[in-house]
């Protein structure tokens, strides 16, 4: 059965629009053709863009975060404490976990990381862990320290359990130590977690996101999360396209996953694809754990934290090259970027046929950007990070390096096929229109700074949408079937409540979908 969607403004490429598309069996079979189809849908002049593809987020954690206290709005330490207290009273648990606080958003009182003394004011009886928004630093209370038996001699490779002036853990933990600590948090039941994941998927399609690249399978616990997520697709319980990014920091975990799941062809279909290895190399700029080539401007004894040795990355890359597997690596600081470029340039086949990539790639100089393009390394950007990082980047790395960082336009000009956009949700909200707004304006939501932060790196609306659609499809090696409103591609598209191509830039962040379609089927209606 053929369906014609007509009377729309379909974006098919920069400066190119169509009035109608024809769909059959979930694919686009015609654009502006005379065939009237078997049924028709009048779009009443609305603007239509391809389905948005968030190239990197954490869907399981996003679903969990939607059911936990949201500390992102806290304006000081006391608000974090009071919000946590209130949530604990209405949601009593044996171990309390929350996420989202950011000391750089504190408008009054002390601007610092939380520690055990702060969390002890929430409760001295229940173990508590409150994770910073970046996911690279957290605070735990004294009861949690006792419960997990942490002490001055507790060592976690690639992470830190910080000590206070008394020589005891002060409640601040970083990087790989977070994963160690999280193992003590009681897990949701399978049914509870499944409900949360589907809730996150529903939110995604309501925002016009039809595909995701999601880091949800970690070395600790993937034996339960893989069957859970795959089961959703095996039973056709959701249509959101899902490309897993499985995280391992050692060869053993990677080899086990490869044999158990990656090679199992029966798991994969049009909506649940094979995915990519995801590795963490460094931390975050906000936590000063991103690896820099020079000390932080605002903390002379800090240069970041390495979460994995370069030798291990080289071994993983060799394994991926041998087995035609994609590999992407979380790198934020310019030292981590440099290390990864060197590893890729030496260890991967010329032209990067396996489409290995860099996730975040925030702090860079112009020479590194050129090398990335020359080596055809795919870059997974999150423009929404500017909402926060505009406030800190020059303090952290200085103006000279800030000028060539978050270089969305430069990278896209070098090679547009290498650039994709995502949100890293729940680090930031999944909202793609806020993400596009930041790429186009390089301003915070309040319009600061006027004219944009290093405005020469602003991109056009078309370029931002291309990065969010076909760019993400290139990164996933799925550009032949999705990412465009194009004959032969999946009929994944979003009908907007405002023309994103003609509205004022500041209005972009307010745009919402009227309807979202995946394979020609309506999966969301406003």
Protein backbone atom coordinates (compact mmCIF):
# COMPACT_ATOMS: atom_id res chain seq x y z
CA UNK A 1 0.00 0.00 0.00
CA UNK A 2 1.37 3.40 -1.03
CA UNK A 3 0.84 6.54 1.04
CA UNK A 4 1.40 10.05 -0.24
CA UNK A 5 2.33 12.87 2.13
CA UNK A 6 1.67 16.15 0.36
CA UNK A 7 1.35 19.91 0.84
CA UNK A 8 4.53 19.97 2.93
CA UNK A 9 7.91 21.67 2.80
CA UNK A 10 10.22 18.64 2.75
CA UNK A 11 13.91 19.38 3.34
CA UNK A 12 15.92 17.19 0.96
CA UNK A 13 19.26 19.01 0.99
CA UNK A 14 20.78 22.44 1.52
CA UNK A 15 18.52 24.95 -0.23
CA UNK A 16 16.38 22.16 -1.71
CA UNK A 17 12.79 21.41 -0.79
CA UNK A 18 10.02 19.18 -2.14
CA UNK A 19 6.23 19.33 -1.81
CA UNK A 20 5.43 15.63 -1.41
CA UNK A 21 6.83 12.16 -0.84
CA UNK A 22 5.45 8.71 -1.65
CA UNK A 23 5.97 5.82 0.77
CA UNK A 24 5.60 2.07 0.44
CA UNK A 25 6.72 -0.70 2.82
CA UNK A 26 8.41 1.77 5.15
CA UNK A 27 10.61 3.37 2.48
CA UNK A 28 10.45 6.48 0.33
CA UNK A 29 9.73 5.46 -3.27
CA UNK A 30 9.07 8.87 -4.81
CA UNK A 31 9.58 12.60 -4.31
CA UNK A 32 7.24 15.07 -6.04
CA UNK A 33 5.82 12.34 -8.27
CA UNK A 34 2.38 12.26 -9.95
CA UNK A 35 1.40 8.95 -8.34
CA UNK A 36 -1.38 9.76 -5.83
CA UNK A 37 -0.89 6.52 -3.88
CA UNK A 38 -3.59 4.51 -2.13
CA UNK A 39 -4.01 7.01 0.69
CA UNK A 40 -3.01 10.63 1.26
CA UNK A 41 -1.93 12.77 4.23
CA UNK A 42 -2.24 16.57 3.97
CA UNK A 43 0.56 18.27 5.95
CA UNK A 44 -1.07 21.68 5.62
CA UNK A 45 2.12 23.45 4.59
CA UNK A 46 4.25 22.29 7.53
CA UNK A 47 8.03 22.02 7.33
CA UNK A 48 9.36 18.44 7.35
CA UNK A 49 12.93 17.34 8.11
CA UNK A 50 14.51 13.87 8.17
CA UNK A 51 14.24 11.94 11.41
CA UNK A 52 16.86 13.25 13.85
CA UNK A 53 19.59 10.85 14.90
CA UNK A 54 21.24 11.46 18.28
CA UNK A 55 24.70 10.06 17.61
CA UNK A 56 25.65 9.65 21.27
CA UNK A 57 23.60 9.40 24.44
CA UNK A 58 22.83 6.99 27.28
CA UNK A 59 19.22 5.91 26.82
CA UNK A 60 19.00 3.57 29.80
CA UNK A 61 20.45 6.20 32.13
CA UNK A 62 18.13 8.77 30.57
CA UNK A 63 15.11 6.62 31.41
CA UNK A 64 16.43 6.17 34.93
CA UNK A 65 17.09 9.90 35.31
CA UNK A 66 13.48 10.64 34.36
CA UNK A 67 12.52 8.69 37.49
CA UNK A 68 15.04 10.25 39.86
CA UNK A 69 15.57 13.59 41.57
CA UNK A 70 16.70 16.20 39.02
CA UNK A 71 19.42 18.28 40.65
CA UNK A 72 20.31 20.25 37.51
CA UNK A 73 18.23 23.24 38.66
CA UNK A 74 19.94 23.52 42.06
CA UNK A 75 21.44 27.00 42.54
CA UNK A 76 23.54 26.23 45.62
CA UNK A 77 24.66 23.47 47.95
CA UNK A 78 21.67 23.96 50.27
CA UNK A 79 19.22 23.44 47.38
CA UNK A 80 20.92 20.16 46.50
CA UNK A 81 20.53 19.06 50.12
CA UNK A 82 16.90 20.14 50.43
CA UNK A 83 15.82 18.73 47.05
CA UNK A 84 17.44 15.40 47.93
CA UNK A 85 15.76 15.35 51.35
CA UNK A 86 12.35 16.02 49.84
CA UNK A 87 12.76 13.35 47.18
CA UNK A 88 13.99 10.80 49.71
CA UNK A 89 10.89 11.34 51.85
CA UNK A 90 8.54 10.62 48.94
CA UNK A 91 10.72 7.89 47.38
CA UNK A 92 12.29 5.96 50.29
CA UNK A 93 15.02 3.50 49.28
CA UNK A 94 17.82 1.53 50.92
CA UNK A 95 20.41 3.39 48.82
CA UNK A 96 19.66 6.88 47.50
CA UNK A 97 21.10 7.91 44.12
CA UNK A 98 20.63 11.24 42.34
CA UNK A 99 22.29 13.07 39.49
CA UNK A 100 22.57 16.42 37.77
CA UNK A 101 24.15 18.92 40.17
CA UNK A 102 26.70 21.32 38.73
CA UNK A 103 28.69 23.58 41.03
CA UNK A 104 29.30 26.04 38.18
CA UNK A 105 25.55 26.78 38.14
CA UNK A 106 25.58 27.71 41.83
CA UNK A 107 24.53 31.37 42.00
CA UNK A 108 25.12 31.93 45.67
CA UNK A 109 27.04 30.36 48.52
CA UNK A 110 30.19 28.32 47.95
CA UNK A 111 30.99 27.25 44.38
CA UNK A 112 32.66 23.87 44.89
CA UNK A 113 32.23 20.13 44.55
CA UNK A 114 29.92 18.44 47.02
CA UNK A 115 31.50 16.21 49.66
CA UNK A 116 30.42 13.75 52.35
CA UNK A 117 29.74 16.50 54.88
CA UNK A 118 27.11 18.01 52.57
CA UNK A 119 25.44 14.66 51.93
CA UNK A 120 25.47 13.82 55.63
CA UNK A 121 22.99 16.69 56.01
CA UNK A 122 20.61 14.74 53.77
CA UNK A 123 20.95 11.55 55.80
CA UNK A 124 23.45 9.87 58.08
CA UNK A 125 21.54 6.60 58.05
CA UNK A 126 20.99 5.85 54.34
CA UNK A 127 23.91 5.50 51.89
CA UNK A 128 23.77 8.35 49.35
CA UNK A 129 25.50 8.98 46.03
CA UNK A 130 24.88 12.19 44.09
CA UNK A 131 26.53 12.23 40.68
CA UNK A 132 27.63 15.45 39.00
CA UNK A 133 25.90 16.21 35.68
CA UNK A 134 28.98 15.20 33.65
CA UNK A 135 29.03 11.66 35.05
CA UNK A 136 32.74 11.92 35.88
CA UNK A 137 32.52 13.09 39.50
CA UNK A 138 30.20 12.15 42.33
CA UNK A 139 29.81 12.69 46.05
CA UNK A 140 28.89 10.06 48.64
CA UNK A 141 27.98 10.46 52.31
CA UNK A 142 29.76 8.98 55.31
CA UNK A 143 27.26 6.10 55.56
CA UNK A 144 28.01 5.15 51.94
CA UNK A 145 31.74 5.26 52.61
CA UNK A 146 31.23 2.89 55.56
CA UNK A 147 28.82 0.68 53.60
CA UNK A 148 31.27 0.31 50.71
CA UNK A 149 34.26 0.01 53.06
CA UNK A 150 36.19 2.78 51.33
CA UNK A 151 39.35 3.97 53.03
CA UNK A 152 42.66 5.71 52.35
CA UNK A 153 44.06 2.48 50.87
CA UNK A 154 41.21 1.88 48.39
CA UNK A 155 42.67 2.12 44.88
CA UNK A 156 40.70 2.07 41.62
CA UNK A 157 42.79 2.20 38.46
CA UNK A 158 41.84 5.16 36.28
CA UNK A 159 39.85 6.79 39.07
CA UNK A 160 40.29 8.56 42.37
CA UNK A 161 38.77 8.32 45.83
CA UNK A 162 39.84 11.67 47.19
CA UNK A 163 41.00 12.16 50.75
CA UNK A 164 40.36 15.01 53.16
CA UNK A 165 42.81 16.80 55.44
CA UNK A 166 42.20 14.04 57.99
CA UNK A 167 43.54 11.42 55.57
CA UNK A 168 40.14 9.78 55.19
CA UNK A 169 37.86 9.69 52.09
CA UNK A 170 36.16 13.07 51.79
CA UNK A 171 33.30 11.67 49.72
CA UNK A 172 34.50 12.93 46.32
CA UNK A 173 35.08 10.20 43.73
CA UNK A 174 36.09 10.51 40.08
CA UNK A 175 36.21 8.61 36.76
CA UNK A 176 36.55 4.79 37.02
CA UNK A 177 35.94 4.93 40.78
CA UNK A 178 32.32 5.83 39.98
CA UNK A 179 31.74 2.49 38.28
CA UNK A 180 33.28 0.76 41.29
CA UNK A 181 30.97 2.59 43.69
CA UNK A 182 27.86 2.11 41.54
CA UNK A 183 28.17 -1.64 41.91
CA UNK A 184 26.96 -1.16 45.50
CA UNK A 185 23.73 0.53 44.42
CA UNK A 186 20.78 -1.89 44.39
CA UNK A 187 19.58 -2.48 40.83
CA UNK A 188 16.04 -1.92 39.59
CA UNK A 189 14.04 -5.01 38.77
CA UNK A 190 13.95 -6.01 35.12
CA UNK A 191 10.36 -4.81 34.79
CA UNK A 192 11.15 -1.47 36.45
CA UNK A 193 14.15 -0.86 34.21
CA UNK A 194 12.30 -1.90 31.06
CA UNK A 195 9.52 0.57 31.87
CA UNK A 196 12.10 3.33 32.31
CA UNK A 197 13.85 2.51 29.03
CA UNK A 198 10.59 2.56 27.08
CA UNK A 199 9.67 5.85 28.77
CA UNK A 200 12.97 7.27 27.53
CA UNK A 201 12.29 5.97 24.03
CA UNK A 202 8.84 7.57 24.07
CA UNK A 203 10.39 10.89 25.04
CA UNK A 204 12.91 10.58 22.21
CA UNK A 205 10.31 10.16 19.47
CA UNK A 206 8.19 12.92 21.00
CA UNK A 207 11.16 15.22 20.33
CA UNK A 208 11.61 14.09 16.73
CA UNK A 209 14.48 11.69 17.42
CA UNK A 210 14.01 8.56 15.30
CA UNK A 211 17.48 7.00 15.78
CA UNK A 212 20.06 6.88 18.56
CA UNK A 213 23.58 5.69 19.15
CA UNK A 214 23.39 4.74 22.81
CA UNK A 215 26.02 3.75 25.37
CA UNK A 216 24.09 1.44 27.70
CA UNK A 217 26.10 -1.78 27.73
CA UNK A 218 28.99 -1.63 30.20
CA UNK A 219 31.52 -4.25 31.27
CA UNK A 220 29.70 -4.59 34.58
CA UNK A 221 26.14 -5.68 33.92
CA UNK A 222 25.86 -5.95 30.14
CA UNK A 223 24.69 -9.55 30.51
CA UNK A 224 21.38 -8.16 31.79
CA UNK A 225 21.04 -4.92 29.83
CA UNK A 226 21.72 -6.43 26.39
CA UNK A 227 18.84 -8.95 26.64
CA UNK A 228 16.58 -6.26 28.10
CA UNK A 229 17.11 -3.76 25.28
CA UNK A 230 17.26 -6.42 22.57
CA UNK A 231 14.06 -7.98 23.91
CA UNK A 232 12.23 -4.69 23.36
CA UNK A 233 13.14 -4.92 19.68
CA UNK A 234 12.69 -8.66 19.33
CA UNK A 235 9.13 -8.23 20.59
CA UNK A 236 8.60 -5.08 18.47
CA UNK A 237 7.73 -3.03 21.57
CA UNK A 238 9.30 0.12 20.15
CA UNK A 239 10.26 1.53 16.76
CA UNK A 240 13.05 3.95 17.76
CA UNK A 241 16.14 2.87 15.82
CA UNK A 242 18.86 1.81 18.24
CA UNK A 243 22.59 1.39 17.55
CA UNK A 244 24.37 0.16 20.71
CA UNK A 245 27.67 1.62 21.85
CA UNK A 246 29.07 -1.06 24.15
CA UNK A 247 31.65 0.19 26.65
CA UNK A 248 34.67 -1.87 27.66
CA UNK A 249 37.93 -0.62 29.12
CA UNK A 250 39.81 -3.90 28.72
CA UNK A 251 40.34 -6.49 26.02
CA UNK A 252 38.77 -9.31 28.03
CA UNK A 253 35.37 -7.66 28.24
CA UNK A 254 35.47 -6.72 24.57
CA UNK A 255 36.37 -10.24 23.45
CA UNK A 256 33.61 -11.77 25.58
CA UNK A 257 30.98 -9.39 24.21
CA UNK A 258 32.18 -9.97 20.65
CA UNK A 259 31.77 -13.73 20.93
CA UNK A 260 28.52 -13.67 22.89
CA UNK A 261 26.54 -10.89 21.20
CA UNK A 262 28.32 -9.07 18.38
CA UNK A 263 28.56 -12.17 16.17
CA UNK A 264 24.96 -13.26 16.81
CA UNK A 265 23.26 -12.25 13.55
CA UNK A 266 19.87 -13.28 14.90
CA UNK A 267 19.81 -10.22 17.20
CA UNK A 268 19.94 -7.56 14.49
CA UNK A 269 17.39 -5.95 12.19
CA UNK A 270 16.46 -2.53 10.78
CA UNK A 271 15.77 -1.04 14.20
CA UNK A 272 18.40 -2.79 16.37
CA UNK A 273 21.79 -2.74 14.63
CA UNK A 274 25.20 -4.16 15.49
CA UNK A 275 26.74 -1.04 16.99
CA UNK A 276 30.23 0.02 18.00
CA UNK A 277 32.79 -0.33 20.76
CA UNK A 278 32.86 2.75 23.01
CA UNK A 279 35.89 3.49 25.23
CA UNK A 280 36.48 6.30 27.76
CA UNK A 281 39.92 7.92 27.41
CA UNK A 282 39.59 10.94 29.73
CA UNK A 283 37.08 12.79 31.87
CA UNK A 284 35.24 16.11 31.67
CA UNK A 285 36.19 19.77 31.47
CA UNK A 286 33.85 20.74 34.30
CA UNK A 287 35.49 18.26 36.66
CA UNK A 288 39.00 19.15 35.37
CA UNK A 289 39.58 15.49 34.52
CA UNK A 290 39.77 16.04 30.74
CA UNK A 291 43.40 15.45 29.68
CA UNK A 292 45.19 18.65 28.64
CA UNK A 293 48.65 19.15 27.16
CA UNK A 294 49.25 22.03 29.58
CA UNK A 295 47.99 22.46 33.18
CA UNK A 296 44.55 23.93 33.66
CA UNK A 297 44.59 27.72 33.72
CA UNK A 298 42.56 27.74 36.91
CA UNK A 299 44.27 24.80 38.66
CA UNK A 300 47.97 24.58 38.02
CA UNK A 301 48.43 21.07 39.43
CA UNK A 302 45.70 19.51 37.27
CA UNK A 303 46.15 18.10 33.76
CA UNK A 304 43.31 15.57 33.71
CA UNK A 305 42.92 11.83 34.20
CA UNK A 306 43.57 8.95 31.83
CA UNK A 307 40.87 6.30 32.11
CA UNK A 308 42.68 3.82 29.86
CA UNK A 309 46.28 3.34 28.75
CA UNK A 310 47.19 4.08 25.14
CA UNK A 311 48.53 0.55 24.79
CA UNK A 312 45.08 -0.84 25.60
CA UNK A 313 43.51 1.49 23.03
CA UNK A 314 46.01 0.27 20.45
CA UNK A 315 45.12 -3.35 21.23
CA UNK A 316 41.40 -2.60 20.99
CA UNK A 317 41.85 -0.80 17.68
CA UNK A 318 43.81 -3.75 16.28
CA UNK A 319 41.01 -6.09 17.37
CA UNK A 320 38.39 -3.86 15.75
CA UNK A 321 40.37 -3.58 12.53
CA UNK A 322 40.80 -7.34 12.36
CA UNK A 323 37.08 -7.95 12.96
CA UNK A 324 35.64 -5.03 10.93
CA UNK A 325 34.19 -3.44 14.07
CA UNK A 326 33.74 0.28 14.66
CA UNK A 327 35.44 1.92 17.62
CA UNK A 328 34.63 5.30 19.15
CA UNK A 329 36.46 6.91 22.06
CA UNK A 330 35.38 9.55 24.58
CA UNK A 331 38.00 12.31 24.44
CA UNK A 332 37.53 15.89 25.59
CA UNK A 333 40.94 17.41 26.35
CA UNK A 334 43.52 18.25 23.67
CA UNK A 335 46.02 15.74 25.07
CA UNK A 336 43.46 12.95 24.80
CA UNK A 337 42.61 14.15 21.27
CA UNK A 338 46.30 14.07 20.33
CA UNK A 339 46.78 10.59 21.76
CA UNK A 340 43.78 9.22 19.88
CA UNK A 341 44.70 10.82 16.55
CA UNK A 342 48.15 9.24 16.84
CA UNK A 343 46.68 5.84 17.68
CA UNK A 344 44.15 5.96 14.84
CA UNK A 345 46.60 7.26 12.24
CA UNK A 346 49.05 4.45 12.96
CA UNK A 347 46.65 1.58 13.60
CA UNK A 348 43.71 1.86 11.20
CA UNK A 349 43.44 1.20 7.49
CA UNK A 350 43.91 4.20 5.21
CA UNK A 351 40.69 6.11 4.69
CA UNK A 352 39.16 4.65 7.87
CA UNK A 353 36.78 2.17 6.16
CA UNK A 354 35.52 0.96 9.56
CA UNK A 355 34.49 4.54 10.46
CA UNK A 356 36.23 4.85 13.84
CA UNK A 357 35.42 8.03 15.70
CA UNK A 358 35.98 10.58 18.46
CA UNK A 359 33.15 11.29 20.89
CA UNK A 360 33.01 14.92 22.16
CA UNK A 361 36.34 16.19 20.71
CA UNK A 362 35.94 19.48 22.57
CA UNK A 363 39.38 21.02 23.17
CA UNK A 364 41.35 21.15 19.93
CA UNK A 365 43.81 23.28 17.99
CA UNK A 366 43.59 23.89 14.24
CA UNK A 367 46.33 21.39 13.47
CA UNK A 368 44.46 18.60 15.22
CA UNK A 369 41.28 19.40 13.28
CA UNK A 370 43.14 19.10 10.00
CA UNK A 371 44.67 15.78 11.03
CA UNK A 372 41.25 14.46 12.03
CA UNK A 373 39.92 15.30 8.56
CA UNK A 374 43.00 13.94 6.78
CA UNK A 375 42.60 10.62 8.58
CA UNK A 376 38.80 10.55 7.98
CA UNK A 377 38.06 10.21 11.71
CA UNK A 378 34.36 10.68 12.54
CA UNK A 379 33.54 13.35 15.14
CA UNK A 380 30.54 13.07 17.49
CA UNK A 381 29.82 16.64 18.67
CA UNK A 382 27.37 17.92 21.33
CA UNK A 383 26.73 21.63 20.60
CA UNK A 384 24.39 21.78 23.63
CA UNK A 385 27.50 21.56 25.83
CA UNK A 386 28.05 25.25 25.06
CA UNK A 387 25.13 26.06 27.38
CA UNK A 388 27.46 25.28 30.27
CA UNK A 389 30.96 25.34 28.83
CA UNK A 390 30.76 28.92 27.57
CA UNK A 391 30.93 29.84 31.26
CA UNK A 392 34.14 27.95 32.00
CA UNK A 393 36.20 27.16 28.91
CA UNK A 394 38.38 30.28 28.84
CA UNK A 395 39.05 29.92 32.56
CA UNK A 396 39.99 26.28 32.08
CA UNK A 397 42.15 26.42 28.92
CA UNK A 398 42.72 30.07 28.01
CA UNK A 399 41.41 32.17 25.12
CA UNK A 400 43.82 30.93 22.44
CA UNK A 401 42.77 27.30 22.81
CA UNK A 402 39.13 28.18 23.44
CA UNK A 403 39.03 29.90 20.05
CA UNK A 404 39.76 26.66 18.17
CA UNK A 405 37.63 24.42 20.38
CA UNK A 406 34.03 23.27 19.82
CA UNK A 407 34.94 23.90 16.18
CA UNK A 408 31.70 22.78 14.57
CA UNK A 409 31.96 24.88 11.40
CA UNK A 410 35.67 24.33 10.81
CA UNK A 411 35.27 20.58 11.10
CA UNK A 412 32.22 20.53 8.84
CA UNK A 413 34.00 22.70 6.27
CA UNK A 414 36.93 20.27 6.28
CA UNK A 415 34.64 17.27 5.66
CA UNK A 416 30.87 17.40 6.32
CA UNK A 417 30.52 13.60 6.19
CA UNK A 418 32.62 13.30 9.38
CA UNK A 419 30.43 15.43 11.68
CA UNK A 420 27.46 14.19 13.69
CA UNK A 421 25.45 15.71 16.54
CA UNK A 422 24.10 14.27 19.78
CA UNK A 423 23.30 15.36 23.33
CA UNK A 424 25.00 12.86 25.66
CA UNK A 425 21.65 12.71 27.47
CA UNK A 426 21.11 12.60 30.43
CA UNK A 427 24.20 14.83 30.76
CA UNK A 428 22.05 17.30 28.80
CA UNK A 429 18.41 17.03 27.78
CA UNK A 430 17.75 15.03 24.62
CA UNK A 431 15.93 18.03 23.05
CA UNK A 432 17.42 18.29 19.52
CA UNK A 433 16.09 21.77 18.84
CA UNK A 434 18.01 23.28 21.73
CA UNK A 435 21.05 21.42 20.40
CA UNK A 436 20.57 22.91 16.92
CA UNK A 437 20.01 26.35 18.48
CA UNK A 438 23.41 26.19 20.21
CA UNK A 439 25.15 25.11 17.00
CA UNK A 440 23.54 27.92 14.99
CA UNK A 441 23.91 30.75 17.56
CA UNK A 442 26.76 29.60 19.85
CA UNK A 443 24.83 31.28 22.63
CA UNK A 444 23.39 30.14 25.93
CA UNK A 445 19.62 29.82 26.15
CA UNK A 446 19.44 33.38 27.51
CA UNK A 447 21.16 34.78 24.39
CA UNK A 448 24.59 35.26 26.00
CA UNK A 449 27.02 36.25 24.62
CA UNK A 450 25.60 38.67 22.09
CA UNK A 451 26.65 37.59 18.61
CA UNK A 452 27.78 34.19 19.83
CA UNK A 453 30.83 32.60 21.46
CA UNK A 454 33.57 32.78 18.79
CA UNK A 455 30.85 33.35 16.19
CA UNK A 456 33.06 32.26 13.29
CA UNK A 457 32.21 28.69 14.37
CA UNK A 458 28.43 29.18 14.00
CA UNK A 459 26.82 26.86 11.44
CA UNK A 460 23.77 27.33 9.23
CA UNK A 461 20.47 25.66 10.09
CA UNK A 462 20.89 23.32 7.10
CA UNK A 463 24.39 22.30 8.20
CA UNK A 464 23.16 21.64 11.74
CA UNK A 465 20.29 19.47 10.50
CA UNK A 466 22.64 17.63 8.14
CA UNK A 467 24.98 16.84 11.04
CA UNK A 468 21.99 15.60 13.07
CA UNK A 469 20.69 13.37 10.26
CA UNK A 470 22.96 12.23 7.44
CA UNK A 471 26.08 12.98 9.51
CA UNK A 472 24.95 10.63 12.26
CA UNK A 473 24.01 8.04 9.63
CA UNK A 474 27.54 8.23 8.19
CA UNK A 475 28.99 7.73 11.68
CA UNK A 476 26.89 4.56 12.07
CA UNK A 477 27.73 3.34 8.54
CA UNK A 478 24.00 3.48 7.72
CA UNK A 479 24.01 6.43 5.31
CA UNK A 480 22.69 4.27 2.47
CA UNK A 481 19.37 3.69 4.27
CA UNK A 482 18.71 6.70 6.51
CA UNK A 483 19.56 10.32 7.19
CA UNK A 484 17.88 11.89 4.17
CA UNK A 485 14.44 12.32 2.67
CA UNK A 486 15.58 10.38 -0.35
CA UNK A 487 14.25 7.60 -2.58
CA UNK A 488 15.27 4.23 -1.14
CA UNK A 489 15.76 5.52 2.40
CA UNK A 490 13.66 4.67 5.44
CA UNK A 491 10.59 6.91 5.68
CA UNK A 492 11.75 8.51 8.94
CA UNK A 493 10.74 12.16 9.18
CA UNK A 494 9.50 14.88 11.53
CA UNK A 495 6.71 17.39 10.93
CA UNK A 496 7.53 20.67 12.72
CA UNK A 497 5.27 23.27 14.31
CA UNK A 498 7.41 26.10 12.88
CA UNK A 499 9.60 26.58 9.81
CA UNK A 500 13.08 26.05 11.20
CA UNK A 501 14.63 27.49 8.02
CA UNK A 502 12.92 30.89 8.18
CA UNK A 503 12.24 31.55 11.87
CA UNK A 504 14.50 33.76 13.98
CA UNK A 505 17.53 31.87 15.38
CA UNK A 506 16.37 32.41 18.97
CA UNK A 507 13.06 30.70 18.12
CA UNK A 508 14.72 27.42 17.08
CA UNK A 509 14.97 26.17 20.65
CA UNK A 510 11.18 26.48 21.03
CA UNK A 511 10.33 24.32 18.00
CA UNK A 512 8.56 21.03 18.66
CA UNK A 513 7.32 18.17 16.47
CA UNK A 514 3.69 18.03 15.37
CA UNK A 515 4.28 14.41 14.42
CA UNK A 516 7.13 11.91 14.17
CA UNK A 517 7.19 9.07 11.64
CA UNK A 518 9.39 5.99 11.56
CA UNK A 519 9.15 3.73 8.49
CA UNK A 520 6.18 5.82 7.43
CA UNK A 521 4.23 5.04 10.60
CA UNK A 522 3.22 7.79 13.00
CA UNK A 523 4.94 7.12 16.35
CA UNK A 524 4.15 10.48 17.95
CA UNK A 525 1.40 13.05 17.51
CA UNK A 526 1.27 16.34 19.37
